[in-house]
Amino acid sequence: MCHSLKKNNKHSLEKKKTRNF
């Protein structure tokens, strides 16, 4: 569960970065 959440968080961050870019 923790691992999945961490992965999801990373993905969200990357998506946000791309959107910002």
N, C-alpha and C. Protein backbone atom coordinates (compact mmCIF):
# COMPACT_ATOMS: atom_id res chain seq x y z
N MET A 1 0.84 -1.20 0.00
CA MET A 1 0.00 0.00 0.00
C MET A 1 0.88 1.26 0.00
N CYS A 2 1.81 1.29 0.91
CA CYS A 2 2.71 2.46 1.01
C CYS A 2 3.47 2.63 -0.30
N HIS A 3 3.95 1.51 -0.81
CA HIS A 3 4.75 1.57 -2.04
C HIS A 3 3.89 2.11 -3.19
N SER A 4 2.66 1.61 -3.26
CA SER A 4 1.75 2.04 -4.33
C SER A 4 1.50 3.55 -4.21
N LEU A 5 1.30 3.99 -3.02
CA LEU A 5 1.02 5.42 -2.80
C LEU A 5 2.22 6.25 -3.25
N LYS A 6 3.39 5.76 -2.90
CA LYS A 6 4.61 6.50 -3.25
C LYS A 6 4.73 6.58 -4.78
N LYS A 7 4.47 5.46 -5.43
CA LYS A 7 4.57 5.42 -6.89
C LYS A 7 3.56 6.40 -7.49
N ASN A 8 2.35 6.37 -6.96
CA ASN A 8 1.30 7.25 -7.46
C ASN A 8 1.72 8.71 -7.28
N ASN A 9 2.30 8.99 -6.14
CA ASN A 9 2.72 10.36 -5.85
C ASN A 9 3.76 10.79 -6.87
N LYS A 10 4.69 9.92 -7.17
CA LYS A 10 5.76 10.23 -8.12
C LYS A 10 5.14 10.53 -9.49
N HIS A 11 4.22 9.68 -9.87
CA HIS A 11 3.57 9.84 -11.17
C HIS A 11 2.83 11.19 -11.23
N SER A 12 2.15 11.49 -10.16
CA SER A 12 1.39 12.76 -10.09
C SER A 12 2.36 13.93 -10.22
N LEU A 13 3.47 13.82 -9.55
CA LEU A 13 4.46 14.91 -9.59
C LEU A 13 4.99 15.08 -11.02
N GLU A 14 5.27 13.95 -11.64
CA GLU A 14 5.80 14.02 -13.00
C GLU A 14 4.76 14.63 -13.93
N LYS A 15 3.52 14.22 -13.77
CA LYS A 15 2.45 14.74 -14.61
C LYS A 15 2.32 16.25 -14.40
N LYS A 16 2.39 16.66 -13.16
CA LYS A 16 2.28 18.09 -12.83
C LYS A 16 3.43 18.86 -13.50
N LYS A 17 4.61 18.28 -13.43
CA LYS A 17 5.79 18.93 -14.00
C LYS A 17 5.60 19.08 -15.51
N THR A 18 5.13 18.03 -16.14
CA THR A 18 4.94 18.09 -17.60
C THR A 18 3.89 19.13 -17.94
N ARG A 19 2.87 19.18 -17.14
CA ARG A 19 1.78 20.15 -17.41
C ARG A 19 2.37 21.56 -17.26
N ASN A 20 3.17 21.74 -16.25
CA ASN A 20 3.76 23.06 -16.00
C ASN A 20 4.70 23.41 -17.15
N PHE A 21 5.37 22.41 -17.63
CA PHE A 21 6.34 22.63 -18.69
C PHE A 21 5.56 22.97 -19.96
